Amino acid sequence: MWNFIEKFCDASETCKKSAPLKNAWININWGDREEEVKWLNSFSLEEGTKKHLRILLYGPSGSGKSSFINSVDSVCQNRISRPAAASSSGDTFTVKYKTHQIQKGKAGRYHSFVFNDAMGLEGIRGVCEEDIKHAMQGHLKEGYKFNAASALHPSDEGYNENPDRNDMADILVCVVSANAVPFLKDDTLNKMQIIRTAARDYDIPQMAILTKIDEACPIVKKSIKNVYKSKHIKKMMEELQSKLGIPLTDIFPVKNYHEEHDLNSDIDVLILKALRQIIQIGNDHINKGTEFVR
């Protein structure tokens, strides 16, 4: 317990003392919001491939998986929305496997990508890694209720015995809070590595989202535009790279909407940049026509 407190205090003090870097290590055009929205609205899958590009989110409890879905939906609808139930308590809130479509303009029209998120990973109270494998391969039926005590079995009612390509994940996205990176427990990291190895074996591309960047660093809280000038955020991204093996080029820092009543263009830009990369990598995977291992 004392080690946790000491680490947390050290991380907080380091960030408080860190002035923004003079030059950002990644340059962002903060005026790109409308251009990114235009690209997103024009995106479509190649005819004859799939109905939807399926994005599977996983990560520790309270990391912001459902909040990221809500944030994407908010940006796309140009207003704050909450299609996915989310919690601010830090405990896992997702208990069922559900597909989230993102509305596009008028009611009844949707973007050609969908999200699925999973129960949090922590210890014996977290989702079984086998269920994430099942989700990647399309074996989880819509509405399947996660059970931390045991993974889904092929003889269970929630098991989709004959998934088609539309049921399968096209990209796996790990969502981790910037505050949590230094404190990821061994059992959680072990689950993450098992899931990552399975995704590699299934030839499913992977990315990571670093959330709650404003909570992790005061200079980012002061201005979201400081994100790529923050030594602390860069350190957390590098630490996540070291722990998971995901390249820095595929780790995107974002701030989810969770207390705001109105949209913020700078928050939107980070969300849209991350989303565009997710979609492009997932679409490349679809166009490869990869045969999944089952």
C-alpha atoms as a PDB file:
ATOM      1  CA  MET A   1       0.000   0.000   0.000  1.00  0.00           C
ATOM      2  CA  TRP A   2       2.778   2.417   0.941  1.00  0.00           C
ATOM      3  CA  ASN A   3       4.591   1.648  -2.316  1.00  0.00           C
ATOM      4  CA  PHE A   4       1.425   2.618  -4.238  1.00  0.00           C
ATOM      5  CA  ILE A   5       1.131   5.904  -2.313  1.00  0.00           C
ATOM      6  CA  GLU A   6       4.809   6.713  -2.809  1.00  0.00           C
ATOM      7  CA  LYS A   7       4.612   6.027  -6.550  1.00  0.00           C
ATOM      8  CA  PHE A   8       1.470   8.127  -6.892  1.00  0.00           C
ATOM      9  CA  CYS A   9       3.031  11.025  -4.990  1.00  0.00           C
ATOM     10  CA  ASP A  10       6.235  10.793  -7.035  1.00  0.00           C
ATOM     11  CA  ALA A  11       4.264  10.835 -10.312  1.00  0.00           C
ATOM     12  CA  SER A  12       2.150  13.788  -9.168  1.00  0.00           C
ATOM     13  CA  GLU A  13       5.132  15.810  -7.968  1.00  0.00           C
ATOM     14  CA  THR A  14       7.048  15.101 -11.174  1.00  0.00           C
ATOM     15  CA  CYS A  15       4.182  16.449 -13.253  1.00  0.00           C
ATOM     16  CA  LYS A  16       3.680  19.511 -11.048  1.00  0.00           C
ATOM     17  CA  LYS A  17       7.324  20.482 -11.440  1.00  0.00           C
ATOM     18  CA  SER A  18       7.408  19.869 -15.195  1.00  0.00           C
ATOM     19  CA  ALA A  19       6.981  22.957 -17.321  1.00  0.00           C
ATOM     20  CA  PRO A  20       5.655  22.385 -20.846  1.00  0.00           C
ATOM     21  CA  LEU A  21       8.280  21.539 -23.423  1.00  0.00           C
ATOM     22  CA  LYS A  22       9.072  24.433 -25.722  1.00  0.00           C
ATOM     23  CA  ASN A  23       8.310  22.322 -28.788  1.00  0.00           C
ATOM     24  CA  ALA A  24       5.728  19.560 -29.057  1.00  0.00           C
ATOM     25  CA  TRP A  25       7.143  16.132 -29.925  1.00  0.00           C
ATOM     26  CA  ILE A  26       4.140  15.632 -32.226  1.00  0.00           C
ATOM     27  CA  ASN A  27       2.650  18.558 -34.104  1.00  0.00           C
ATOM     28  CA  ILE A  28      -1.128  18.808 -34.140  1.00  0.00           C
ATOM     29  CA  ASN A  29      -3.152  21.194 -36.246  1.00  0.00           C
ATOM     30  CA  TRP A  30      -5.752  22.181 -33.664  1.00  0.00           C
ATOM     31  CA  GLY A  31      -7.899  23.707 -36.366  1.00  0.00           C
ATOM     32  CA  ASP A  32      -8.459  20.343 -38.075  1.00  0.00           C
ATOM     33  CA  ARG A  33     -11.779  19.466 -36.423  1.00  0.00           C
ATOM     34  CA  GLU A  34     -14.035  20.138 -39.405  1.00  0.00           C
ATOM     35  CA  GLU A  35     -11.602  18.492 -41.831  1.00  0.00           C
ATOM     36  CA  GLU A  36     -11.504  15.368 -39.622  1.00  0.00           C
ATOM     37  CA  VAL A  37     -15.312  15.297 -39.345  1.00  0.00           C
ATOM     38  CA  LYS A  38     -15.558  15.635 -43.129  1.00  0.00           C
ATOM     39  CA  TRP A  39     -13.181  12.684 -43.594  1.00  0.00           C
ATOM     40  CA  LEU A  40     -15.126  10.609 -41.070  1.00  0.00           C
ATOM     41  CA  ASN A  41     -18.458  11.314 -42.746  1.00  0.00           C
ATOM     42  CA  SER A  42     -17.036  10.364 -46.138  1.00  0.00           C
ATOM     43  CA  PHE A  43     -15.521   7.076 -44.948  1.00  0.00           C
ATOM     44  CA  SER A  44     -17.136   3.880 -46.138  1.00  0.00           C
ATOM     45  CA  LEU A  45     -16.071   0.269 -46.445  1.00  0.00           C
ATOM     46  CA  GLU A  46     -15.292  -1.198 -49.815  1.00  0.00           C
ATOM     47  CA  GLU A  47     -18.370  -2.854 -51.264  1.00  0.00           C
ATOM     48  CA  GLY A  48     -18.528  -6.580 -50.677  1.00  0.00           C
ATOM     49  CA  THR A  49     -16.208  -6.631 -47.648  1.00  0.00           C
ATOM     50  CA  LYS A  50     -18.170  -6.255 -44.402  1.00  0.00           C
ATOM     51  CA  LYS A  51     -21.295  -4.583 -43.032  1.00  0.00           C
ATOM     52  CA  HIS A  52     -19.275  -2.824 -40.344  1.00  0.00           C
ATOM     53  CA  LEU A  53     -15.700  -2.294 -39.245  1.00  0.00           C
ATOM     54  CA  ARG A  54     -15.755  -3.780 -35.732  1.00  0.00           C
ATOM     55  CA  ILE A  55     -13.618  -2.072 -33.040  1.00  0.00           C
ATOM     56  CA  LEU A  56     -13.107  -4.113 -29.860  1.00  0.00           C
ATOM     57  CA  LEU A  57     -12.116  -2.186 -26.714  1.00  0.00           C
ATOM     58  CA  TYR A  58     -10.573  -3.798 -23.636  1.00  0.00           C
ATOM     59  CA  GLY A  59      -8.624  -2.638 -20.607  1.00  0.00           C
ATOM     60  CA  PRO A  60      -8.715  -2.150 -16.828  1.00  0.00           C
ATOM     61  CA  SER A  61     -11.891  -1.150 -15.024  1.00  0.00           C
ATOM     62  CA  GLY A  62     -12.530   2.587 -14.979  1.00  0.00           C
ATOM     63  CA  SER A  63     -10.119   3.290 -17.817  1.00  0.00           C
ATOM     64  CA  GLY A  64     -12.755   4.998 -19.958  1.00  0.00           C
ATOM     65  CA  LYS A  65     -13.771   2.384 -22.546  1.00  0.00           C
ATOM     66  CA  SER A  66     -17.472   3.219 -22.495  1.00  0.00           C
ATOM     67  CA  SER A  67     -16.659   6.914 -22.100  1.00  0.00           C
ATOM     68  CA  PHE A  68     -14.579   6.778 -25.275  1.00  0.00           C
ATOM     69  CA  ILE A  69     -17.567   5.347 -27.161  1.00  0.00           C
ATOM     70  CA  ASN A  70     -19.729   8.137 -25.725  1.00  0.00           C
ATOM     71  CA  SER A  71     -17.127  10.739 -26.669  1.00  0.00           C
ATOM     72  CA  VAL A  72     -16.961   9.509 -30.264  1.00  0.00           C
ATOM     73  CA  ASP A  73     -20.747   9.554 -30.462  1.00  0.00           C
ATOM     74  CA  SER A  74     -20.796  13.077 -28.995  1.00  0.00           C
ATOM     75  CA  VAL A  75     -18.360  14.354 -31.615  1.00  0.00           C
ATOM     76  CA  CYS A  76     -20.301  12.671 -34.418  1.00  0.00           C
ATOM     77  CA  GLN A  77     -23.629  14.066 -33.228  1.00  0.00           C
ATOM     78  CA  ASN A  78     -22.124  17.478 -32.444  1.00  0.00           C
ATOM     79  CA  ARG A  79     -23.583  17.380 -28.934  1.00  0.00           C
ATOM     80  CA  ILE A  80     -22.920  15.566 -25.665  1.00  0.00           C
ATOM     81  CA  SER A  81     -24.477  12.096 -25.753  1.00  0.00           C
ATOM     82  CA  ARG A  82     -24.359   8.954 -23.606  1.00  0.00           C
ATOM     83  CA  PRO A  83     -25.249   5.851 -25.664  1.00  0.00           C
ATOM     84  CA  ALA A  84     -23.013   3.556 -23.567  1.00  0.00           C
ATOM     85  CA  ALA A  85     -23.529   3.280 -19.807  1.00  0.00           C
ATOM     86  CA  ALA A  86     -20.371   4.468 -18.042  1.00  0.00           C
ATOM     87  CA  SER A  87     -19.206   4.768 -14.442  1.00  0.00           C
ATOM     88  CA  SER A  88     -16.959   7.275 -12.701  1.00  0.00           C
ATOM     89  CA  SER A  89     -16.378   5.054  -9.648  1.00  0.00           C
ATOM     90  CA  GLY A  90     -13.402   3.157 -11.068  1.00  0.00           C
ATOM     91  CA  ASP A  91     -15.283  -0.170 -10.940  1.00  0.00           C
ATOM     92  CA  THR A  92     -16.247  -2.071 -14.048  1.00  0.00           C
ATOM     93  CA  PHE A  93     -19.657  -1.017 -15.371  1.00  0.00           C
ATOM     94  CA  THR A  94     -19.876  -3.027 -18.576  1.00  0.00           C
ATOM     95  CA  VAL A  95     -21.408  -6.423 -17.846  1.00  0.00           C
ATOM     96  CA  LYS A  96     -22.868  -7.381 -21.242  1.00  0.00           C
ATOM     97  CA  TYR A  97     -21.396  -7.709 -24.711  1.00  0.00           C
ATOM     98  CA  LYS A  98     -23.120  -5.079 -26.806  1.00  0.00           C
ATOM     99  CA  THR A  99     -22.560  -3.551 -30.224  1.00  0.00           C
ATOM    100  CA  HIS A 100     -22.642   0.243 -30.285  1.00  0.00           C
ATOM    101  CA  GLN A 101     -23.505   1.908 -33.573  1.00  0.00           C
ATOM    102  CA  ILE A 102     -22.605   5.566 -34.052  1.00  0.00           C
ATOM    103  CA  GLN A 103     -25.318   7.753 -35.508  1.00  0.00           C
ATOM    104  CA  LYS A 104     -24.478   9.674 -38.657  1.00  0.00           C
ATOM    105  CA  GLY A 105     -26.552  12.756 -39.213  1.00  0.00           C
ATOM    106  CA  LYS A 106     -30.253  11.951 -39.357  1.00  0.00           C
ATOM    107  CA  ALA A 107     -31.851   9.273 -37.191  1.00  0.00           C
ATOM    108  CA  GLY A 108     -31.598   5.822 -38.746  1.00  0.00           C
ATOM    109  CA  ARG A 109     -28.275   6.506 -40.480  1.00  0.00           C
ATOM    110  CA  TYR A 110     -25.083   5.140 -38.971  1.00  0.00           C
ATOM    111  CA  HIS A 111     -21.352   5.194 -39.597  1.00  0.00           C
ATOM    112  CA  SER A 112     -19.786   2.076 -41.091  1.00  0.00           C
ATOM    113  CA  PHE A 113     -17.855   1.261 -37.904  1.00  0.00           C
ATOM    114  CA  VAL A 114     -19.147  -0.146 -34.617  1.00  0.00           C
ATOM    115  CA  PHE A 115     -17.727  -0.529 -31.108  1.00  0.00           C
ATOM    116  CA  ASN A 116     -17.798  -3.399 -28.653  1.00  0.00           C
ATOM    117  CA  ASP A 117     -16.348  -3.049 -25.183  1.00  0.00           C
ATOM    118  CA  ALA A 118     -15.741  -5.619 -22.485  1.00  0.00           C
ATOM    119  CA  MET A 119     -15.821  -5.977 -18.743  1.00  0.00           C
ATOM    120  CA  GLY A 120     -12.685  -4.662 -16.981  1.00  0.00           C
ATOM    121  CA  LEU A 121      -9.644  -6.914 -16.608  1.00  0.00           C
ATOM    122  CA  GLU A 122      -8.727  -6.717 -12.912  1.00  0.00           C
ATOM    123  CA  GLY A 123      -7.876  -9.929 -11.082  1.00  0.00           C
ATOM    124  CA  ILE A 124     -10.541 -12.443 -10.127  1.00  0.00           C
ATOM    125  CA  ARG A 125     -13.249  -9.764 -10.464  1.00  0.00           C
ATOM    126  CA  GLY A 126     -12.322  -9.055 -14.064  1.00  0.00           C
ATOM    127  CA  VAL A 127     -13.273 -10.540 -17.387  1.00  0.00           C
ATOM    128  CA  CYS A 128     -11.692 -13.849 -18.357  1.00  0.00           C
ATOM    129  CA  GLU A 129      -9.149 -13.386 -21.142  1.00  0.00           C
ATOM    130  CA  GLU A 130     -10.784 -16.304 -22.980  1.00  0.00           C
ATOM    131  CA  ASP A 131     -13.916 -14.189 -23.404  1.00  0.00           C
ATOM    132  CA  ILE A 132     -11.891 -11.440 -25.108  1.00  0.00           C
ATOM    133  CA  LYS A 133     -10.504 -14.117 -27.434  1.00  0.00           C
ATOM    134  CA  HIS A 134     -14.059 -15.280 -28.131  1.00  0.00           C
ATOM    135  CA  ALA A 135     -15.060 -11.674 -28.885  1.00  0.00           C
ATOM    136  CA  MET A 136     -12.179 -11.239 -31.330  1.00  0.00           C
ATOM    137  CA  GLN A 137     -13.275 -14.355 -33.213  1.00  0.00           C
ATOM    138  CA  GLY A 138     -16.969 -13.453 -33.207  1.00  0.00           C
ATOM    139  CA  HIS A 139     -18.057 -16.193 -30.797  1.00  0.00           C
ATOM    140  CA  LEU A 140     -19.900 -13.905 -28.345  1.00  0.00           C
ATOM    141  CA  LYS A 141     -23.581 -13.433 -29.042  1.00  0.00           C
ATOM    142  CA  GLU A 142     -25.100  -9.982 -28.637  1.00  0.00           C
ATOM    143  CA  GLY A 143     -26.150  -9.496 -25.014  1.00  0.00           C
ATOM    144  CA  TYR A 144     -23.843 -12.170 -23.585  1.00  0.00           C
ATOM    145  CA  LYS A 145     -23.328 -11.475 -19.878  1.00  0.00           C
ATOM    146  CA  PHE A 146     -19.684 -11.600 -18.810  1.00  0.00           C
ATOM    147  CA  ASN A 147     -18.851 -13.881 -15.884  1.00  0.00           C
ATOM    148  CA  ALA A 148     -15.633 -13.196 -13.982  1.00  0.00           C
ATOM    149  CA  ALA A 149     -15.724 -16.686 -12.483  1.00  0.00           C
ATOM    150  CA  SER A 150     -15.633 -18.554 -15.781  1.00  0.00           C
ATOM    151  CA  ALA A 151     -15.292 -17.965 -19.488  1.00  0.00           C
ATOM    152  CA  LEU A 152     -17.957 -18.793 -22.047  1.00  0.00           C
ATOM    153  CA  HIS A 153     -17.983 -22.435 -23.116  1.00  0.00           C
ATOM    154  CA  PRO A 154     -18.965 -23.630 -26.611  1.00  0.00           C
ATOM    155  CA  SER A 155     -21.940 -25.455 -25.098  1.00  0.00           C
ATOM    156  CA  ASP A 156     -23.276 -22.282 -23.416  1.00  0.00           C
ATOM    157  CA  GLU A 157     -26.246 -20.353 -24.756  1.00  0.00           C
ATOM    158  CA  GLY A 158     -24.230 -17.162 -25.350  1.00  0.00           C
ATOM    159  CA  TYR A 159     -21.735 -18.909 -27.658  1.00  0.00           C
ATOM    160  CA  ASN A 160     -21.947 -18.167 -31.382  1.00  0.00           C
ATOM    161  CA  GLU A 161     -20.802 -21.431 -32.876  1.00  0.00           C
ATOM    162  CA  ASN A 162     -20.647 -20.282 -36.499  1.00  0.00           C
ATOM    163  CA  PRO A 163     -19.570 -16.634 -36.667  1.00  0.00           C
ATOM    164  CA  ASP A 164     -19.231 -14.985 -40.043  1.00  0.00           C
ATOM    165  CA  ARG A 165     -16.758 -12.242 -40.856  1.00  0.00           C
ATOM    166  CA  ASN A 166     -19.177  -9.530 -39.763  1.00  0.00           C
ATOM    167  CA  ASP A 167     -19.071 -10.854 -36.179  1.00  0.00           C
ATOM    168  CA  MET A 168     -15.272 -10.711 -35.940  1.00  0.00           C
ATOM    169  CA  ALA A 169     -13.136  -7.868 -34.643  1.00  0.00           C
ATOM    170  CA  ASP A 170     -11.079  -5.874 -37.133  1.00  0.00           C
ATOM    171  CA  ILE A 171      -8.938  -4.030 -34.610  1.00  0.00           C
ATOM    172  CA  LEU A 172      -8.230  -4.472 -30.899  1.00  0.00           C
ATOM    173  CA  VAL A 173      -7.837  -1.275 -28.870  1.00  0.00           C
ATOM    174  CA  CYS A 174      -6.426  -1.269 -25.346  1.00  0.00           C
ATOM    175  CA  VAL A 175      -7.776   1.608 -23.229  1.00  0.00           C
ATOM    176  CA  VAL A 176      -5.748   2.652 -20.186  1.00  0.00           C
ATOM    177  CA  SER A 177      -5.962   5.677 -17.906  1.00  0.00           C
ATOM    178  CA  ALA A 178      -2.770   7.761 -17.796  1.00  0.00           C
ATOM    179  CA  ASN A 179      -2.991   7.739 -13.990  1.00  0.00           C
ATOM    180  CA  ALA A 180      -3.133   3.939 -13.914  1.00  0.00           C
ATOM    181  CA  VAL A 181      -0.136   3.141 -16.114  1.00  0.00           C
ATOM    182  CA  PRO A 182       2.484   3.043 -13.315  1.00  0.00           C
ATOM    183  CA  PHE A 183       0.212   0.927 -11.099  1.00  0.00           C
ATOM    184  CA  LEU A 184      -0.931  -1.817 -13.465  1.00  0.00           C
ATOM    185  CA  LYS A 185      -0.811  -5.032 -11.442  1.00  0.00           C
ATOM    186  CA  ASP A 186       0.947  -8.158 -12.614  1.00  0.00           C
ATOM    187  CA  ASP A 187      -2.287 -10.146 -12.988  1.00  0.00           C
ATOM    188  CA  THR A 188      -3.789  -7.402 -15.157  1.00  0.00           C
ATOM    189  CA  LEU A 189      -0.639  -7.116 -17.276  1.00  0.00           C
ATOM    190  CA  ASN A 190      -0.573 -10.892 -17.655  1.00  0.00           C
ATOM    191  CA  LYS A 191      -4.142 -10.867 -18.981  1.00  0.00           C
ATOM    192  CA  MET A 192      -3.220  -8.042 -21.364  1.00  0.00           C
ATOM    193  CA  GLN A 193      -0.261  -9.975 -22.722  1.00  0.00           C
ATOM    194  CA  ILE A 194      -2.362 -13.123 -23.220  1.00  0.00           C
ATOM    195  CA  ILE A 195      -4.951 -11.062 -25.123  1.00  0.00           C
ATOM    196  CA  ARG A 196      -2.278  -9.306 -27.195  1.00  0.00           C
ATOM    197  CA  THR A 197      -0.649 -12.605 -28.090  1.00  0.00           C
ATOM    198  CA  ALA A 198      -4.000 -14.036 -29.185  1.00  0.00           C
ATOM    199  CA  ALA A 199      -4.696 -10.956 -31.342  1.00  0.00           C
ATOM    200  CA  ARG A 200      -1.271 -11.389 -32.944  1.00  0.00           C
ATOM    201  CA  ASP A 201      -2.029 -15.051 -33.669  1.00  0.00           C
ATOM    202  CA  TYR A 202      -5.403 -14.075 -35.186  1.00  0.00           C
ATOM    203  CA  ASP A 203      -3.625 -11.377 -37.208  1.00  0.00           C
ATOM    204  CA  ILE A 204      -5.784  -8.629 -35.688  1.00  0.00           C
ATOM    205  CA  PRO A 205      -4.062  -5.204 -35.554  1.00  0.00           C
ATOM    206  CA  GLN A 206      -3.742  -3.435 -32.209  1.00  0.00           C
ATOM    207  CA  MET A 207      -3.643   0.096 -30.832  1.00  0.00           C
ATOM    208  CA  ALA A 208      -3.895   1.818 -27.462  1.00  0.00           C
ATOM    209  CA  ILE A 209      -5.764   4.841 -26.132  1.00  0.00           C
ATOM    210  CA  LEU A 210      -4.353   6.739 -23.143  1.00  0.00           C
ATOM    211  CA  THR A 211      -7.275   8.400 -21.349  1.00  0.00           C
ATOM    212  CA  LYS A 212      -7.720  10.913 -18.503  1.00  0.00           C
ATOM    213  CA  ILE A 213      -4.684  12.893 -19.598  1.00  0.00           C
ATOM    214  CA  ASP A 214      -6.066  16.038 -17.976  1.00  0.00           C
ATOM    215  CA  GLU A 215      -6.314  14.268 -14.605  1.00  0.00           C
ATOM    216  CA  ALA A 216      -2.771  12.938 -14.902  1.00  0.00           C
ATOM    217  CA  CYS A 217      -1.050  16.249 -15.624  1.00  0.00           C
ATOM    218  CA  PRO A 218      -1.939  19.804 -14.470  1.00  0.00           C
ATOM    219  CA  ILE A 219      -0.445  21.489 -17.541  1.00  0.00           C
ATOM    220  CA  VAL A 220      -2.728  19.393 -19.744  1.00  0.00           C
ATOM    221  CA  LYS A 221      -5.676  20.176 -17.490  1.00  0.00           C
ATOM    222  CA  LYS A 222      -4.844  23.865 -17.925  1.00  0.00           C
ATOM    223  CA  SER A 223      -4.835  23.455 -21.719  1.00  0.00           C
ATOM    224  CA  ILE A 224      -5.444  20.278 -23.691  1.00  0.00           C
ATOM    225  CA  LYS A 225      -3.118  21.721 -26.335  1.00  0.00           C
ATOM    226  CA  ASN A 226      -0.211  20.992 -23.956  1.00  0.00           C
ATOM    227  CA  VAL A 227      -0.665  17.234 -24.321  1.00  0.00           C
ATOM    228  CA  TYR A 228       2.281  16.791 -26.694  1.00  0.00           C
ATOM    229  CA  LYS A 229       4.352  19.222 -24.666  1.00  0.00           C
ATOM    230  CA  SER A 230       3.871  17.321 -21.406  1.00  0.00           C
ATOM    231  CA  LYS A 231       6.909  15.357 -20.236  1.00  0.00           C
ATOM    232  CA  HIS A 232       4.669  13.340 -17.919  1.00  0.00           C
ATOM    233  CA  ILE A 233       2.232  12.261 -20.632  1.00  0.00           C
ATOM    234  CA  LYS A 234       5.131  11.286 -22.872  1.00  0.00           C
ATOM    235  CA  LYS A 235       6.597   9.269 -20.006  1.00  0.00           C
ATOM    236  CA  MET A 236       3.263   7.470 -19.470  1.00  0.00           C
ATOM    237  CA  MET A 237       3.026   6.665 -23.183  1.00  0.00           C
ATOM    238  CA  GLU A 238       6.577   5.300 -23.156  1.00  0.00           C
ATOM    239  CA  GLU A 239       5.846   3.245 -20.041  1.00  0.00           C
ATOM    240  CA  LEU A 240       2.712   1.810 -21.650  1.00  0.00           C
ATOM    241  CA  GLN A 241       4.770   0.969 -24.730  1.00  0.00           C
ATOM    242  CA  SER A 242       7.309  -0.808 -22.540  1.00  0.00           C
ATOM    243  CA  LYS A 243       4.687  -2.796 -20.629  1.00  0.00           C
ATOM    244  CA  LEU A 244       2.495  -3.812 -23.577  1.00  0.00           C
ATOM    245  CA  GLY A 245       4.837  -3.655 -26.559  1.00  0.00           C
ATOM    246  CA  ILE A 246       2.530  -1.382 -28.553  1.00  0.00           C
ATOM    247  CA  PRO A 247       4.567   1.130 -30.624  1.00  0.00           C
ATOM    248  CA  LEU A 248       4.348   4.789 -29.628  1.00  0.00           C
ATOM    249  CA  THR A 249       2.975   5.573 -33.084  1.00  0.00           C
ATOM    250  CA  ASP A 250      -0.077   3.488 -32.175  1.00  0.00           C
ATOM    251  CA  ILE A 251      -0.709   5.019 -28.722  1.00  0.00           C
ATOM    252  CA  PHE A 252      -3.026   8.032 -28.776  1.00  0.00           C
ATOM    253  CA  PRO A 253      -3.688  10.312 -25.779  1.00  0.00           C
ATOM    254  CA  VAL A 254      -7.278  11.536 -25.446  1.00  0.00           C
ATOM    255  CA  LYS A 255      -9.575  13.260 -23.007  1.00  0.00           C
ATOM    256  CA  ASN A 256     -13.050  11.753 -22.868  1.00  0.00           C
ATOM    257  CA  TYR A 257     -16.140  13.818 -22.209  1.00  0.00           C
ATOM    258  CA  HIS A 258     -17.398  13.026 -18.708  1.00  0.00           C
ATOM    259  CA  GLU A 259     -18.445  16.245 -16.949  1.00  0.00           C
ATOM    260  CA  GLU A 260     -18.795  18.726 -19.798  1.00  0.00           C
ATOM    261  CA  HIS A 261     -22.139  20.055 -21.042  1.00  0.00           C
ATOM    262  CA  ASP A 262     -20.744  21.359 -24.337  1.00  0.00           C
ATOM    263  CA  LEU A 263     -18.232  20.160 -26.889  1.00  0.00           C
ATOM    264  CA  ASN A 264     -14.701  21.517 -27.021  1.00  0.00           C
ATOM    265  CA  SER A 265     -12.922  21.693 -30.376  1.00  0.00           C
ATOM    266  CA  ASP A 266      -9.505  20.753 -28.951  1.00  0.00           C
ATOM    267  CA  ILE A 267     -10.888  17.689 -27.146  1.00  0.00           C
ATOM    268  CA  ASP A 268     -12.660  16.721 -30.381  1.00  0.00           C
ATOM    269  CA  VAL A 269      -9.453  16.930 -32.418  1.00  0.00           C
ATOM    270  CA  LEU A 270      -7.637  14.398 -30.200  1.00  0.00           C
ATOM    271  CA  ILE A 271     -10.622  12.029 -30.291  1.00  0.00           C
ATOM    272  CA  LEU A 272     -10.957  12.359 -34.070  1.00  0.00           C
ATOM    273  CA  LYS A 273      -7.212  11.843 -34.694  1.00  0.00           C
ATOM    274  CA  ALA A 274      -7.282   8.644 -32.624  1.00  0.00           C
ATOM    275  CA  LEU A 275     -10.499   7.444 -34.274  1.00  0.00           C
ATOM    276  CA  ARG A 276      -9.148   8.060 -37.773  1.00  0.00           C
ATOM    277  CA  GLN A 277      -6.077   5.936 -37.061  1.00  0.00           C
ATOM    278  CA  ILE A 278      -8.223   3.161 -35.579  1.00  0.00           C
ATOM    279  CA  ILE A 279     -10.482   3.143 -38.641  1.00  0.00           C
ATOM    280  CA  GLN A 280      -7.644   3.272 -41.154  1.00  0.00           C
ATOM    281  CA  ILE A 281      -5.741   0.407 -39.535  1.00  0.00           C
ATOM    282  CA  GLY A 282      -8.927  -1.642 -39.134  1.00  0.00           C
ATOM    283  CA  ASN A 283      -9.883  -0.975 -42.754  1.00  0.00           C
ATOM    284  CA  ASP A 284      -6.447  -2.087 -43.943  1.00  0.00           C
ATOM    285  CA  HIS A 285      -7.053  -5.329 -42.081  1.00  0.00           C
ATOM    286  CA  ILE A 286     -10.433  -5.831 -43.765  1.00  0.00           C
ATOM    287  CA  ASN A 287      -8.987  -5.163 -47.201  1.00  0.00           C
ATOM    288  CA  LYS A 288      -6.277  -7.748 -46.637  1.00  0.00           C
ATOM    289  CA  GLY A 289      -9.027 -10.363 -46.526  1.00  0.00           C
ATOM    290  CA  THR A 290      -7.280 -12.170 -43.648  1.00  0.00           C
ATOM    291  CA  GLU A 291      -8.549 -15.623 -42.758  1.00  0.00           C
ATOM    292  CA  PHE A 292      -9.085 -15.782 -38.984  1.00  0.00           C
ATOM    293  CA  VAL A 293      -7.830 -18.656 -36.881  1.00  0.00           C
ATOM    294  CA  ARG A 294     -10.712 -20.338 -35.051  1.00  0.00           C
END
